[in-house]
C-alpha atoms as a PDB file:
ATOM      1  CA  LYS A   1       0.125  -0.005   0.019  1.00  0.00           C
ATOM      2  CA  ASN A   2       1.035   3.596  -0.759  1.00  0.00           C
ATOM      3  CA  PRO A   3       1.053   5.471   2.494  1.00  0.00           C
ATOM      4  CA  GLY A   4       0.834   8.713   0.676  1.00  0.00           C
ATOM      5  CA  ARG A   5      -2.476   8.149  -1.031  1.00  0.00           C
ATOM      6  CA  GLU A   6      -3.876   6.999   2.269  1.00  0.00           C
ATOM      7  CA  ILE A   7      -3.180  10.424   3.793  1.00  0.00           C
ATOM      8  CA  SER A   8      -4.067  12.491   0.677  1.00  0.00           C
ATOM      9  CA  LEU A   9      -7.572  11.126   0.278  1.00  0.00           C
ATOM     10  CA  PRO A  10      -8.802  12.337   3.734  1.00  0.00           C
ATOM     11  CA  ARG A  11      -7.362  15.808   2.835  1.00  0.00           C
ATOM     12  CA  VAL A  12      -9.182  16.087  -0.290  1.00  0.00           C
ATOM     13  CA  THR A  13     -12.510  15.163   1.357  1.00  0.00           C
ATOM     14  CA  ALA A  14     -11.949  17.657   4.223  1.00  0.00           C
ATOM     15  CA  MET A  15     -11.222  20.612   1.774  1.00  0.00           C
ATOM     16  CA  GLU A  16     -14.351  19.696  -0.204  1.00  0.00           C
ATOM     17  CA  SER A  17     -16.396  19.766   2.879  1.00  0.00           C
ATOM     18  CA  ARG A  18     -14.974  23.057   3.975  1.00  0.00           C
ATOM     19  CA  SER A  19     -15.743  24.479   0.541  1.00  0.00           C
ATOM     20  CA  LYS A  20     -19.156  23.374   0.634  1.00  0.00           C
ATOM     21  CA  LEU A  21     -19.711  24.736   3.998  1.00  0.00           C
ATOM     22  CA  VAL A  22     -18.313  28.197   3.055  1.00  0.00           C
ATOM     23  CA  GLN A  23     -20.667  28.122  -0.008  1.00  0.00           C
ATOM     24  CA  MET A  24     -23.681  27.498   2.191  1.00  0.00           C
ATOM     25  CA  GLN A  25     -22.694  30.278   4.590  1.00  0.00           C
ATOM     26  CA  VAL A  26     -22.293  32.783   1.782  1.00  0.00           C
ATOM     27  CA  SER A  27     -25.710  31.691   0.251  1.00  0.00           C
ATOM     28  CA  ALA A  28     -27.335  32.040   3.711  1.00  0.00           C
ATOM     29  CA  ASP A  29     -25.513  35.374   4.244  1.00  0.00           C
ATOM     30  CA  VAL A  30     -26.842  36.639   0.813  1.00  0.00           C
ATOM     31  CA  THR A  31     -30.382  35.501   1.601  1.00  0.00           C
ATOM     32  CA  PHE A  32     -30.305  37.008   5.074  1.00  0.00           C
ATOM     33  CA  CYS A  33     -28.999  40.281   3.771  1.00  0.00           C
ATOM     34  CA  ASN A  34     -31.512  40.585   1.068  1.00  0.00           C
ATOM     35  CA  PRO A  35     -33.538  43.718   1.919  1.00  0.00           C
ATOM     36  CA  ALA A  36     -36.798  42.387   0.383  1.00  0.00           C
ATOM     37  CA  VAL A  37     -36.665  39.164   2.521  1.00  0.00           C
ATOM     38  CA  LEU A  38     -35.780  41.167   5.578  1.00  0.00           C
ATOM     39  CA  ALA A  39     -38.631  43.362   5.088  1.00  0.00           C
ATOM     40  CA  LEU A  40     -41.082  40.497   4.712  1.00  0.00           C
ATOM     41  CA  ARG A  41     -39.836  38.683   7.839  1.00  0.00           C
ATOM     42  CA  ARG A  42     -40.259  41.851   9.839  1.00  0.00           C
ATOM     43  CA  LEU A  43     -43.749  42.292   8.461  1.00  0.00           C
ATOM     44  CA  GLN A  44     -44.616  38.741   9.364  1.00  0.00           C
ATOM     45  CA  ARG A  45     -43.437  39.403  12.883  1.00  0.00           C
ATOM     46  CA  SER A  46     -45.068  42.804  13.218  1.00  0.00           C
ATOM     47  CA  SER A  47     -48.677  41.529  13.523  1.00  0.00           C
ATOM     48  CA  ASP A  48     -49.611  44.385  16.134  1.00  0.00           C
ATOM     49  CA  LEU A  49     -48.680  47.264  13.826  1.00  0.00           C
ATOM     50  CA  LEU A  50     -50.009  45.603  10.776  1.00  0.00           C
ATOM     51  CA  SER A  51     -53.436  44.949  12.333  1.00  0.00           C
ATOM     52  CA  GLY A  52     -53.476  48.616  13.151  1.00  0.00           C
ATOM     53  CA  ALA A  53     -52.138  49.852   9.760  1.00  0.00           C
ATOM     54  CA  ILE A  54     -54.372  47.615   7.687  1.00  0.00           C
ATOM     55  CA  GLY A  55     -57.300  46.333   9.800  1.00  0.00           C
ATOM     56  CA  GLY A  56     -58.076  49.727  11.226  1.00  0.00           C
ATOM     57  CA  PRO A  57     -58.504  51.967   8.131  1.00  0.00           C
ATOM     58  CA  LEU A  58     -60.261  49.075   6.347  1.00  0.00           C
ATOM     59  CA  VAL A  59     -63.216  48.396   8.765  1.00  0.00           C
ATOM     60  CA  VAL A  60     -63.463  52.116   9.772  1.00  0.00           C
ATOM     61  CA  GLY A  61     -63.716  53.140   6.106  1.00  0.00           C
ATOM     62  CA  VAL A  62     -66.106  50.232   5.261  1.00  0.00           C
ATOM     63  CA  LEU A  63     -68.376  51.343   8.141  1.00  0.00           C
ATOM     64  CA  SER A  64     -68.520  54.963   7.646  1.00  0.00           C
ATOM     65  CA  PRO A  65     -72.279  55.098   7.027  1.00  0.00           C
ATOM     66  CA  HIS A  66     -72.971  53.488  10.376  1.00  0.00           C
ATOM     67  CA  ARG A  67     -70.918  56.185  12.074  1.00  0.00           C
ATOM     68  CA  ASN A  68     -72.575  58.866  10.069  1.00  0.00           C
ATOM     69  CA  GLY A  69     -75.974  57.355  11.250  1.00  0.00           C
ATOM     70  CA  MET A  70     -74.794  57.637  14.821  1.00  0.00           C
ATOM     71  CA  THR A  71     -74.004  61.171  14.262  1.00  0.00           C
ATOM     72  CA  LEU A  72     -77.457  62.165  12.872  1.00  0.00           C
ATOM     73  CA  ALA A  73     -79.182  60.200  15.432  1.00  0.00           C
ATOM     74  CA  ALA A  74     -77.743  62.265  18.273  1.00  0.00           C
ATOM     75  CA  LYS A  75     -79.562  65.319  16.853  1.00  0.00           C
ATOM     76  CA  ASP A  76     -82.619  63.662  15.465  1.00  0.00           C
ATOM     77  CA  THR A  77     -85.041  62.242  18.107  1.00  0.00           C
ATOM     78  CA  ILE A  78     -88.023  61.864  15.538  1.00  0.00           C
ATOM     79  CA  SER A  79     -86.645  59.571  12.804  1.00  0.00           C
ATOM     80  CA  SER A  80     -86.837  55.790  12.931  1.00  0.00           C
ATOM     81  CA  PHE A  81     -83.902  53.337  12.511  1.00  0.00           C
ATOM     82  CA  ALA A  82     -84.764  53.209   8.921  1.00  0.00           C
ATOM     83  CA  GLY A  83     -85.357  57.007   8.536  1.00  0.00           C
ATOM     84  CA  VAL A  84     -81.825  57.782   9.997  1.00  0.00           C
ATOM     85  CA  TYR A  85     -80.190  55.705   7.205  1.00  0.00           C
ATOM     86  CA  ARG A  86     -82.479  57.382   4.724  1.00  0.00           C
ATOM     87  CA  GLN A  87     -80.936  60.600   5.673  1.00  0.00           C
ATOM     88  CA  VAL A  88     -77.321  59.135   5.427  1.00  0.00           C
ATOM     89  CA  PHE A  89     -77.918  57.946   1.796  1.00  0.00           C
ATOM     90  CA  SER A  90     -80.343  60.839   0.731  1.00  0.00           C
ATOM     91  CA  ALA A  91     -77.872  62.435  -1.534  1.00  0.00           C
ATOM     92  CA  GLY A  92     -76.990  58.916  -3.172  1.00  0.00           C
ATOM     93  CA  PHE A  93     -75.447  55.656  -2.206  1.00  0.00           C
ATOM     94  CA  SER A  94     -71.850  56.842  -2.243  1.00  0.00           C
ATOM     95  CA  LYS A  95     -72.616  59.782  -0.246  1.00  0.00           C
ATOM     96  CA  GLY A  96     -73.230  57.360   2.743  1.00  0.00           C
ATOM     97  CA  TRP A  97     -69.536  57.509   3.114  1.00  0.00           C
ATOM     98  CA  ARG A  98     -69.259  61.253   3.234  1.00  0.00           C
ATOM     99  CA  GLY A  99     -66.410  62.584   5.404  1.00  0.00           C
ATOM    100  CA  GLY A 100     -65.077  59.004   5.932  1.00  0.00           C
ATOM    101  CA  SER A 101     -61.670  59.576   4.572  1.00  0.00           C
ATOM    102  CA  VAL A 102     -60.334  61.539   7.523  1.00  0.00           C
ATOM    103  CA  PRO A 103     -61.406  58.895  10.361  1.00  0.00           C
ATOM    104  CA  ALA A 104     -60.157  56.150   8.063  1.00  0.00           C
ATOM    105  CA  LEU A 105     -56.565  57.711   8.010  1.00  0.00           C
ATOM    106  CA  ALA A 106     -56.903  58.319  11.675  1.00  0.00           C
ATOM    107  CA  ALA A 107     -57.726  54.762  12.193  1.00  0.00           C
ATOM    108  CA  MET A 108     -54.085  53.952  11.683  1.00  0.00           C
ATOM    109  CA  PRO A 109     -52.920  55.523  14.932  1.00  0.00           C
ATOM    110  CA  GLN A 110     -56.277  54.826  16.550  1.00  0.00           C
ATOM    111  CA  PHE A 111     -55.930  50.843  15.995  1.00  0.00           C
ATOM    112  CA  THR A 112     -52.255  51.263  16.886  1.00  0.00           C
ATOM    113  CA  ALA A 113     -53.545  52.348  20.346  1.00  0.00           C
ATOM    114  CA  ILE A 114     -56.133  49.504  20.394  1.00  0.00           C
ATOM    115  CA  GLY A 115     -53.422  47.092  19.514  1.00  0.00           C
ATOM    116  CA  PRO A 116     -49.753  47.667  20.383  1.00  0.00           C
ATOM    117  CA  VAL A 117     -50.141  50.346  23.010  1.00  0.00           C
ATOM    118  CA  PHE A 118     -52.952  48.132  24.802  1.00  0.00           C
ATOM    119  CA  LEU A 119     -50.653  45.054  24.542  1.00  0.00           C
ATOM    120  CA  TRP A 120     -47.360  46.807  25.635  1.00  0.00           C
ATOM    121  CA  THR A 121     -49.215  48.441  28.532  1.00  0.00           C
ATOM    122  CA  GLU A 122     -50.824  45.071  29.683  1.00  0.00           C
ATOM    123  CA  GLN A 123     -47.353  43.458  29.580  1.00  0.00           C
ATOM    124  CA  ARG A 124     -45.670  46.363  31.322  1.00  0.00           C
ATOM    125  CA  PHE A 125     -48.084  46.727  34.280  1.00  0.00           C
ATOM    126  CA  GLY A 126     -49.769  43.322  34.212  1.00  0.00           C
ATOM    127  CA  SER A 127     -53.201  44.870  34.302  1.00  0.00           C
ATOM    128  CA  THR A 128     -55.933  44.688  31.686  1.00  0.00           C
ATOM    129  CA  SER A 129     -57.976  47.433  33.050  1.00  0.00           C
ATOM    130  CA  VAL A 130     -54.874  49.845  33.110  1.00  0.00           C
ATOM    131  CA  ALA A 131     -54.176  48.842  29.529  1.00  0.00           C
ATOM    132  CA  VAL A 132     -57.661  49.516  28.409  1.00  0.00           C
ATOM    133  CA  LEU A 133     -57.696  53.090  30.142  1.00  0.00           C
ATOM    134  CA  THR A 134     -54.284  53.920  28.636  1.00  0.00           C
ATOM    135  CA  ALA A 135     -55.235  52.692  25.263  1.00  0.00           C
ATOM    136  CA  SER A 136     -58.535  54.523  25.222  1.00  0.00           C
ATOM    137  CA  LEU A 137     -56.833  57.774  26.178  1.00  0.00           C
ATOM    138  CA  ALA A 138     -54.305  57.415  23.343  1.00  0.00           C
ATOM    139  CA  GLU A 139     -56.980  56.434  20.942  1.00  0.00           C
ATOM    140  CA  SER A 140     -59.033  59.751  21.797  1.00  0.00           C
ATOM    141  CA  LEU A 141     -55.992  61.859  21.445  1.00  0.00           C
ATOM    142  CA  PHE A 142     -55.306  60.322  17.994  1.00  0.00           C
ATOM    143  CA  THR A 143     -58.884  60.476  16.720  1.00  0.00           C
ATOM    144  CA  TYR A 144     -61.107  63.119  18.537  1.00  0.00           C
ATOM    145  CA  GLY A 145     -60.400  65.837  15.973  1.00  0.00           C
ATOM    146  CA  ALA A 146     -60.871  63.591  12.999  1.00  0.00           C
ATOM    147  CA  GLN A 147     -64.178  62.054  14.232  1.00  0.00           C
ATOM    148  CA  ARG A 148     -65.431  65.424  15.320  1.00  0.00           C
ATOM    149  CA  ARG A 149     -64.792  66.920  11.936  1.00  0.00           C
ATOM    150  CA  ASN A 150     -66.589  63.875  10.373  1.00  0.00           C
ATOM    151  CA  ALA A 151     -69.651  64.341  12.526  1.00  0.00           C
ATOM    152  CA  VAL A 152     -69.888  68.062  11.680  1.00  0.00           C
ATOM    153  CA  ILE A 153     -69.491  67.187   7.809  1.00  0.00           C
ATOM    154  CA  GLN A 154     -72.300  64.793   8.107  1.00  0.00           C
ATOM    155  CA  TYR A 155     -74.468  66.965  10.216  1.00  0.00           C
ATOM    156  CA  ASN A 156     -74.233  69.946   7.846  1.00  0.00           C
ATOM    157  CA  ALA A 157     -74.991  67.839   4.768  1.00  0.00           C
ATOM    158  CA  THR A 158     -78.401  67.259   6.116  1.00  0.00           C
ATOM    159  CA  ARG A 159     -79.167  70.981   7.042  1.00  0.00           C
ATOM    160  CA  VAL A 160     -81.120  72.824   4.425  1.00  0.00           C
ATOM    161  CA  CYS A 161     -80.360  76.368   5.779  1.00  0.00           C
ATOM    162  CA  ALA A 162     -76.700  77.546   5.756  1.00  0.00           C
ATOM    163  CA  SER A 163     -77.485  79.248   9.104  1.00  0.00           C
ATOM    164  CA  GLU A 164     -77.907  75.864  10.782  1.00  0.00           C
ATOM    165  CA  HIS A 165     -74.464  74.836   9.573  1.00  0.00           C
ATOM    166  CA  VAL A 166     -71.664  74.177  12.257  1.00  0.00           C
ATOM    167  CA  ALA A 167     -68.327  75.643  11.585  1.00  0.00           C
ATOM    168  CA  LEU A 168     -65.602  73.029  10.938  1.00  0.00           C
ATOM    169  CA  GLN A 169     -62.935  72.827  13.442  1.00  0.00           C
ATOM    170  CA  SER A 170     -59.363  71.641  12.887  1.00  0.00           C
ATOM    171  CA  MET A 171     -58.761  67.948  12.817  1.00  0.00           C
ATOM    172  CA  TYR A 172     -55.629  68.389  14.738  1.00  0.00           C
ATOM    173  CA  ARG A 173     -57.254  69.712  17.861  1.00  0.00           C
ATOM    174  CA  LEU A 174     -56.709  67.122  20.421  1.00  0.00           C
ATOM    175  CA  ALA A 175     -59.471  67.955  22.856  1.00  0.00           C
ATOM    176  CA  GLY A 176     -62.703  70.001  23.187  1.00  0.00           C
ATOM    177  CA  PRO A 177     -66.316  69.634  23.924  1.00  0.00           C
ATOM    178  CA  GLY A 178     -67.165  65.998  24.090  1.00  0.00           C
ATOM    179  CA  PHE A 179     -63.616  64.743  24.916  1.00  0.00           C
ATOM    180  CA  VAL A 180     -64.397  63.054  28.184  1.00  0.00           C
ATOM    181  CA  PRO A 181     -67.297  61.027  26.706  1.00  0.00           C
ATOM    182  CA  HIS A 182     -65.117  60.308  23.815  1.00  0.00           C
ATOM    183  CA  VAL A 183     -62.497  58.687  26.124  1.00  0.00           C
ATOM    184  CA  SER A 184     -65.315  56.808  28.101  1.00  0.00           C
ATOM    185  CA  ARG A 185     -66.926  55.443  24.817  1.00  0.00           C
ATOM    186  CA  ASN A 186     -63.550  54.138  23.802  1.00  0.00           C
ATOM    187  CA  MET A 187     -63.058  52.543  27.000  1.00  0.00           C
ATOM    188  CA  PHE A 188     -66.265  50.689  27.240  1.00  0.00           C
ATOM    189  CA  ALA A 189     -66.184  49.700  23.445  1.00  0.00           C
ATOM    190  CA  MET A 190     -62.766  48.146  23.746  1.00  0.00           C
ATOM    191  CA  MET A 191     -63.719  46.156  26.760  1.00  0.00           C
ATOM    192  CA  GLY A 192     -65.813  43.821  24.488  1.00  0.00           C
ATOM    193  CA  ILE A 193     -62.779  42.156  22.811  1.00  0.00           C
ATOM    194  CA  ARG A 194     -60.225  42.809  25.481  1.00  0.00           C
ATOM    195  CA  LEU A 195     -62.052  42.040  28.819  1.00  0.00           C
ATOM    196  CA  PHE A 196     -65.408  40.334  28.002  1.00  0.00           C
ATOM    197  CA  SER A 197     -64.525  38.036  24.980  1.00  0.00           C
ATOM    198  CA  PRO A 198     -62.357  35.470  26.954  1.00  0.00           C
ATOM    199  CA  HIS A 199     -65.455  34.861  29.387  1.00  0.00           C
ATOM    200  CA  SER A 200     -67.826  34.964  26.426  1.00  0.00           C
ATOM    201  CA  TYR A 201     -65.788  32.244  24.811  1.00  0.00           C
ATOM    202  CA  GLU A 202     -66.088  29.897  27.682  1.00  0.00           C
ATOM    203  CA  ILE A 203     -69.836  30.496  27.554  1.00  0.00           C
ATOM    204  CA  VAL A 204     -69.939  29.838  23.986  1.00  0.00           C
ATOM    205  CA  CYS A 205     -68.084  26.575  24.401  1.00  0.00           C
ATOM    206  CA  ARG A 206     -70.803  25.444  26.692  1.00  0.00           C
ATOM    207  CA  VAL A 207     -73.708  25.941  24.371  1.00  0.00           C
ATOM    208  CA  PRO A 208     -74.917  22.743  22.995  1.00  0.00           C
ATOM    209  CA  GLY A 209     -73.902  22.232  19.433  1.00  0.00           C
ATOM    210  CA  THR A 210     -70.841  24.487  19.367  1.00  0.00           C
ATOM    211  CA  ALA A 211     -68.424  21.659  19.594  1.00  0.00           C
ATOM    212  CA  ASN A 212     -69.213  21.074  16.019  1.00  0.00           C
ATOM    213  CA  LEU A 213     -67.911  24.602  15.003  1.00  0.00           C
ATOM    214  CA  SER A 214     -64.382  25.390  14.308  1.00  0.00           C
ATOM    215  CA  GLU A 215     -62.025  27.153  16.914  1.00  0.00           C
ATOM    216  CA  GLY A 216     -62.178  30.194  14.612  1.00  0.00           C
ATOM    217  CA  SER A 217     -66.000  30.162  14.472  1.00  0.00           C
ATOM    218  CA  ARG A 218     -66.304  29.842  18.336  1.00  0.00           C
ATOM    219  CA  ARG A 219     -63.922  32.849  18.754  1.00  0.00           C
ATOM    220  CA  LEU A 220     -65.682  34.918  16.075  1.00  0.00           C
ATOM    221  CA  THR A 221     -69.110  34.270  17.959  1.00  0.00           C
ATOM    222  CA  ALA A 222     -67.381  35.258  21.386  1.00  0.00           C
ATOM    223  CA  ASP A 223     -66.123  38.387  19.909  1.00  0.00           C
ATOM    224  CA  LEU A 224     -69.402  39.335  18.210  1.00  0.00           C
ATOM    225  CA  ALA A 225     -71.395  38.630  21.394  1.00  0.00           C
ATOM    226  CA  SER A 226     -68.918  40.555  23.716  1.00  0.00           C
ATOM    227  CA  SER A 227     -69.017  43.553  21.211  1.00  0.00           C
ATOM    228  CA  VAL A 228     -72.649  43.767  21.394  1.00  0.00           C
ATOM    229  CA  VAL A 229     -72.523  44.106  25.177  1.00  0.00           C
ATOM    230  CA  ALA A 230     -69.605  46.633  24.817  1.00  0.00           C
ATOM    231  CA  ALA A 231     -71.753  48.682  22.285  1.00  0.00           C
ATOM    232  CA  THR A 232     -74.661  48.750  24.643  1.00  0.00           C
ATOM    233  CA  LEU A 233     -72.489  50.234  27.552  1.00  0.00           C
ATOM    234  CA  SER A 234     -70.645  52.586  25.266  1.00  0.00           C
ATOM    235  CA  MET A 235     -73.798  54.123  23.422  1.00  0.00           C
ATOM    236  CA  PRO A 236     -74.619  56.998  25.956  1.00  0.00           C
ATOM    237  CA  PHE A 237     -70.997  58.210  25.782  1.00  0.00           C
ATOM    238  CA  ASN A 238     -70.896  58.118  22.186  1.00  0.00           C
ATOM    239  CA  HIS A 239     -74.187  59.893  21.908  1.00  0.00           C
ATOM    240  CA  ALA A 240     -73.122  62.543  24.245  1.00  0.00           C
ATOM    241  CA  PHE A 241     -69.921  63.075  22.041  1.00  0.00           C
ATOM    242  CA  SER A 242     -71.765  63.179  18.765  1.00  0.00           C
ATOM    243  CA  TRP A 243     -74.262  65.724  20.393  1.00  0.00           C
ATOM    244  CA  ALA A 244     -71.395  67.822  21.724  1.00  0.00           C
ATOM    245  CA  ALA A 245     -69.512  67.804  18.371  1.00  0.00           C
ATOM    246  CA  CYS A 246     -72.461  69.363  16.602  1.00  0.00           C
ATOM    247  CA  THR A 247     -73.406  71.785  19.288  1.00  0.00           C
ATOM    248  CA  PRO A 248     -71.225  74.862  19.162  1.00  0.00           C
ATOM    249  CA  GLU A 249     -72.623  76.472  22.086  1.00  0.00           C
ATOM    250  CA  LEU A 250     -70.613  74.135  24.442  1.00  0.00           C
ATOM    251  CA  GLU A 251     -67.549  75.856  23.332  1.00  0.00           C
ATOM    252  CA  ARG A 252     -68.541  78.945  25.553  1.00  0.00           C
ATOM    253  CA  MET A 253     -69.205  76.919  28.648  1.00  0.00           C
ATOM    254  CA  GLY A 254     -66.919  75.718  31.432  1.00  0.00           C
ATOM    255  CA  TYR A 255     -66.115  71.993  31.875  1.00  0.00           C
ATOM    256  CA  LEU A 256     -68.771  71.537  34.635  1.00  0.00           C
ATOM    257  CA  GLU A 257     -71.452  73.289  32.662  1.00  0.00           C
ATOM    258  CA  ARG A 258     -70.690  71.158  29.532  1.00  0.00           C
ATOM    259  CA  GLY A 259     -71.060  68.080  31.675  1.00  0.00           C
ATOM    260  CA  GLN A 260     -74.387  69.168  33.150  1.00  0.00           C
ATOM    261  CA  SER A 261     -75.652  70.260  29.691  1.00  0.00           C
ATOM    262  CA  MET A 262     -74.747  66.812  28.245  1.00  0.00           C
ATOM    263  CA  GLY A 263     -76.331  64.847  31.129  1.00  0.00           C
ATOM    264  CA  LYS A 264     -79.526  66.996  30.969  1.00  0.00           C
ATOM    265  CA  TRP A 265     -79.840  66.617  27.291  1.00  0.00           C
ATOM    266  CA  LEU A 266     -79.330  62.715  27.478  1.00  0.00           C
ATOM    267  CA  VAL A 267     -81.611  62.025  30.255  1.00  0.00           C
ATOM    268  CA  GLY A 268     -84.215  64.446  28.895  1.00  0.00           C
ATOM    269  CA  ASN A 269     -84.247  62.851  25.548  1.00  0.00           C
ATOM    270  CA  TYR A 270     -85.077  59.246  26.675  1.00  0.00           C
ATOM    271  CA  ARG A 271     -87.352  60.451  29.428  1.00  0.00           C
ATOM    272  CA  ASP A 272     -89.515  62.349  26.875  1.00  0.00           C
ATOM    273  CA  LYS A 273     -89.469  59.970  24.043  1.00  0.00           C
ATOM    274  CA  GLY A 274     -89.258  56.682  25.993  1.00  0.00           C
ATOM    275  CA  MET A 275     -88.070  53.212  25.075  1.00  0.00           C
ATOM    276  CA  GLY A 276     -88.518  53.624  21.364  1.00  0.00           C
ATOM    277  CA  LEU A 277     -85.773  56.069  20.863  1.00  0.00           C
ATOM    278  CA  LEU A 278     -83.453  54.050  23.401  1.00  0.00           C
ATOM    279  CA  ALA A 279     -84.041  50.967  21.304  1.00  0.00           C
ATOM    280  CA  ARG A 280     -83.287  53.009  18.009  1.00  0.00           C
ATOM    281  CA  ASP A 281     -79.971  54.383  19.344  1.00  0.00           C
ATOM    282  CA  LEU A 282     -78.884  51.134  20.738  1.00  0.00           C
ATOM    283  CA  THR A 283     -79.635  49.342  17.521  1.00  0.00           C
ATOM    284  CA  ILE A 284     -77.513  51.943  15.512  1.00  0.00           C
ATOM    285  CA  ARG A 285     -74.701  51.747  17.921  1.00  0.00           C
ATOM    286  CA  ILE A 286     -74.545  47.971  17.996  1.00  0.00           C
ATOM    287  CA  HIS A 287     -74.588  47.825  14.260  1.00  0.00           C
ATOM    288  CA  TYR A 288     -71.308  49.961  14.223  1.00  0.00           C
ATOM    289  CA  VAL A 289     -69.369  48.588  17.279  1.00  0.00           C
ATOM    290  CA  ALA A 290     -70.133  44.967  17.038  1.00  0.00           C
ATOM    291  CA  LEU A 291     -69.133  44.913  13.266  1.00  0.00           C
ATOM    292  CA  LEU A 292     -66.266  47.238  13.623  1.00  0.00           C
ATOM    293  CA  PHE A 293     -64.383  45.359  16.700  1.00  0.00           C
ATOM    294  CA  THR A 294     -65.223  41.743  15.491  1.00  0.00           C
ATOM    295  CA  ALA A 295     -63.800  42.486  12.017  1.00  0.00           C
ATOM    296  CA  TYR A 296     -60.717  44.046  13.575  1.00  0.00           C
ATOM    297  CA  ARG A 297     -60.249  41.187  15.982  1.00  0.00           C
ATOM    298  CA  VAL A 298     -60.461  38.749  12.922  1.00  0.00           C
ATOM    299  CA  VAL A 299     -57.676  40.654  11.136  1.00  0.00           C
ATOM    300  CA  GLU A 300     -55.588  40.870  14.479  1.00  0.00           C
ATOM    301  CA  ARG A 301     -55.961  37.229  15.235  1.00  0.00           C
ATOM    302  CA  SER A 302     -55.063  36.226  11.513  1.00  0.00           C
ATOM    303  CA  LEU A 303     -51.922  38.363  11.646  1.00  0.00           C
ATOM    304  CA  LEU A 304     -51.013  37.198  15.089  1.00  0.00           C
ATOM    305  CA  GLU A 305     -51.255  33.462  13.745  1.00  0.00           C
ATOM    306  CA  LEU A 306     -49.083  34.423  10.824  1.00  0.00           C
ATOM    307  CA  SER A 307     -46.401  35.944  12.937  1.00  0.00           C
ATOM    308  CA  ARG A 308     -46.192  32.688  15.143  1.00  0.00           C
ATOM    309  CA  ALA A 309     -45.847  30.576  12.201  1.00  0.00           C
ATOM    310  CA  ASP A 310     -42.523  29.298  10.739  1.00  0.00           C
ATOM    311  CA  ASP A 311     -40.830  31.778   8.725  1.00  0.00           C
ATOM    312  CA  LEU A 312     -42.404  31.891   5.267  1.00  0.00           C
ATOM    313  CA  PHE A 313     -39.583  33.837   3.652  1.00  0.00           C
END
């Protein structure tokens, strides 16, 4: 046997192995450094931001007619449920989305508050209640001006006389008449998917026949039921905000006087008009909130599942 050949063969094999290893590392580095791949991976893992950036504007924009209906209902105690929506679409079907572009844009930071701000605060302080309050305040600071402007645009569109029109306020105004009800409304509305839904899910799972439903269908049902409850609780505060947004006289009042005026108006309306008006306003509010938060939660949950999946890119 030739001793030289016995030694050279392992050396050639080792060199080939090292060469293949280097090639694999270079290939991996090229793939890892590819900006497109990096961007896609970051997007996959940023479910909280994506749900706010995509899900928020989408659902808020689509549901603009429901939001406009709530605005008109706050100043109209006579029209029926159908009558309110006839006013929303009185100038044509597309006009039902009148003024909806500004709230849709504001929905990006709004649902960033509902998503990432809520989740970060909950993890930081270990309290869901504190997270709901913090996220609701942030949401109002982001959206008060835009939603007030949207309310005034829709209100003015239904006024025949120019003298009845309300002056438009800057959408960059962070607070004003109706701000406290606005924060309270957001807090109660958010409780549906953040506080009530886990308990609703347990109840849904106990209902006969739900075992045949998929996991996603049971969670969807729980979110919808929870949002209906949240909509009911938040309705008086949303009504007070909508009324305040279209009542310029409140600008000249102090904080206490504003609160007294809103309370007197709210109680007086339902005392004089009875359960019929209350049922109408609850139905309009439920139509908006239940669809808004249930749809958003579907988007949020889908993106969260995507971020937890194995790398796709």
